[in-house]
């Protein structure tokens, strides 16, 4: 099932599809730090947990990850595809 197959009342099909693409791109480009904190313009940081929960509901292997702080800053929570998963289960 793809995000475009079923929409969410809180997130458009286009936004969910773009978020999956961004998570996939981040997993490929930064395997050492695959997490995203937000996805602009569709999902700001405060809505990221809800968007990723929707992707999990659709079968995508999305999980919460810890992202190390920049230049000694505190760590933050983000989201990534588990094991580089590219398709829903």
Protein backbone atom coordinates (compact mmCIF):
# COMPACT_ATOMS: atom_id res chain seq x y z
CA UNK A 1 0.00 0.00 0.00
CA UNK A 2 1.34 3.44 -0.81
CA UNK A 3 0.54 6.71 0.92
CA UNK A 4 -1.12 7.79 -2.30
CA UNK A 5 -3.50 4.84 -2.05
CA UNK A 6 -5.09 6.02 1.19
CA UNK A 7 -5.15 9.53 2.49
CA UNK A 8 -5.35 10.80 6.02
CA UNK A 9 -7.72 13.47 7.21
CA UNK A 10 -4.74 15.21 8.85
CA UNK A 11 -2.22 14.79 6.02
CA UNK A 12 -2.73 14.85 2.28
CA UNK A 13 -1.71 11.91 0.13
CA UNK A 14 0.87 14.18 -1.49
CA UNK A 15 2.38 15.11 1.88
CA UNK A 16 2.64 11.47 3.04
CA UNK A 17 4.17 10.39 -0.26
CA UNK A 18 6.71 13.21 -0.10
CA UNK A 19 7.54 12.36 3.53
CA UNK A 20 8.25 8.73 2.60
CA UNK A 21 10.50 9.95 -0.22
CA UNK A 22 12.34 12.29 2.18
CA UNK A 23 12.82 9.49 4.73
CA UNK A 24 14.15 7.20 1.98
CA UNK A 25 16.51 9.87 0.67
CA UNK A 26 17.83 10.60 4.15
CA UNK A 27 18.40 6.88 4.82
CA UNK A 28 20.44 6.59 1.62
CA UNK A 29 22.36 9.85 1.92
CA UNK A 30 23.06 9.69 5.67
CA UNK A 31 22.97 6.05 6.84
CA UNK A 32 24.97 7.09 9.92
CA UNK A 33 22.29 9.65 10.87
CA UNK A 34 19.07 8.80 9.00
CA UNK A 35 16.60 10.68 11.19
CA UNK A 36 14.46 13.64 10.22
CA UNK A 37 13.06 16.07 12.78
CA UNK A 38 10.62 17.68 10.37
CA UNK A 39 9.74 17.67 6.68
CA UNK A 40 9.11 21.05 5.11
CA UNK A 41 6.78 22.36 4.00
CA UNK A 42 4.28 19.59 4.74
CA UNK A 43 5.10 18.47 8.28
CA UNK A 44 6.61 20.71 10.94
CA UNK A 45 8.37 19.28 13.99
CA UNK A 46 5.31 19.29 16.24
CA UNK A 47 3.28 17.25 13.68
CA UNK A 48 6.03 14.81 12.70
CA UNK A 49 5.03 12.17 15.28
CA UNK A 50 1.45 12.14 13.96
CA UNK A 51 2.58 11.93 10.33
CA UNK A 52 4.96 9.07 11.09
CA UNK A 53 2.25 7.28 13.09
CA UNK A 54 0.08 7.51 9.98
CA UNK A 55 2.88 5.97 7.90
CA UNK A 56 3.20 3.14 10.45
CA UNK A 57 -0.56 2.60 10.18
CA UNK A 58 -0.08 2.27 6.42
CA UNK A 59 2.60 -0.38 6.98
CA UNK A 60 5.81 1.62 6.64
CA UNK A 61 8.64 0.65 9.03
CA UNK A 62 9.08 4.10 10.57
CA UNK A 63 10.64 4.38 14.00
CA UNK A 64 11.67 7.08 16.46
CA UNK A 65 15.43 7.68 16.59
CA UNK A 66 17.77 9.92 18.57
CA UNK A 67 19.63 12.57 16.61
CA UNK A 68 22.87 13.80 18.14
CA UNK A 69 23.04 17.51 18.83
CA UNK A 70 25.10 19.81 16.64
CA UNK A 71 28.25 21.30 18.11
CA UNK A 72 27.63 19.87 21.57
CA UNK A 73 23.93 20.70 21.63
CA UNK A 74 21.41 18.37 23.20
CA UNK A 75 20.12 15.32 21.36
CA UNK A 76 16.68 15.47 19.74
CA UNK A 77 14.10 12.93 18.69
CA UNK A 78 13.57 12.31 15.01
CA UNK A 79 12.11 9.69 12.72
CA UNK A 80 13.68 7.22 10.28
CA UNK A 81 12.84 4.16 8.25
CA UNK A 82 13.80 1.02 10.15
CA UNK A 83 16.58 -0.93 8.46
CA UNK A 84 16.34 1.31 5.41
CA UNK A 85 12.86 -0.07 4.65
CA UNK A 86 11.60 1.28 1.37
CA UNK A 87 8.15 -0.24 1.17
CA UNK A 88 5.32 -0.99 3.54
CA UNK A 89 5.12 -4.47 5.02
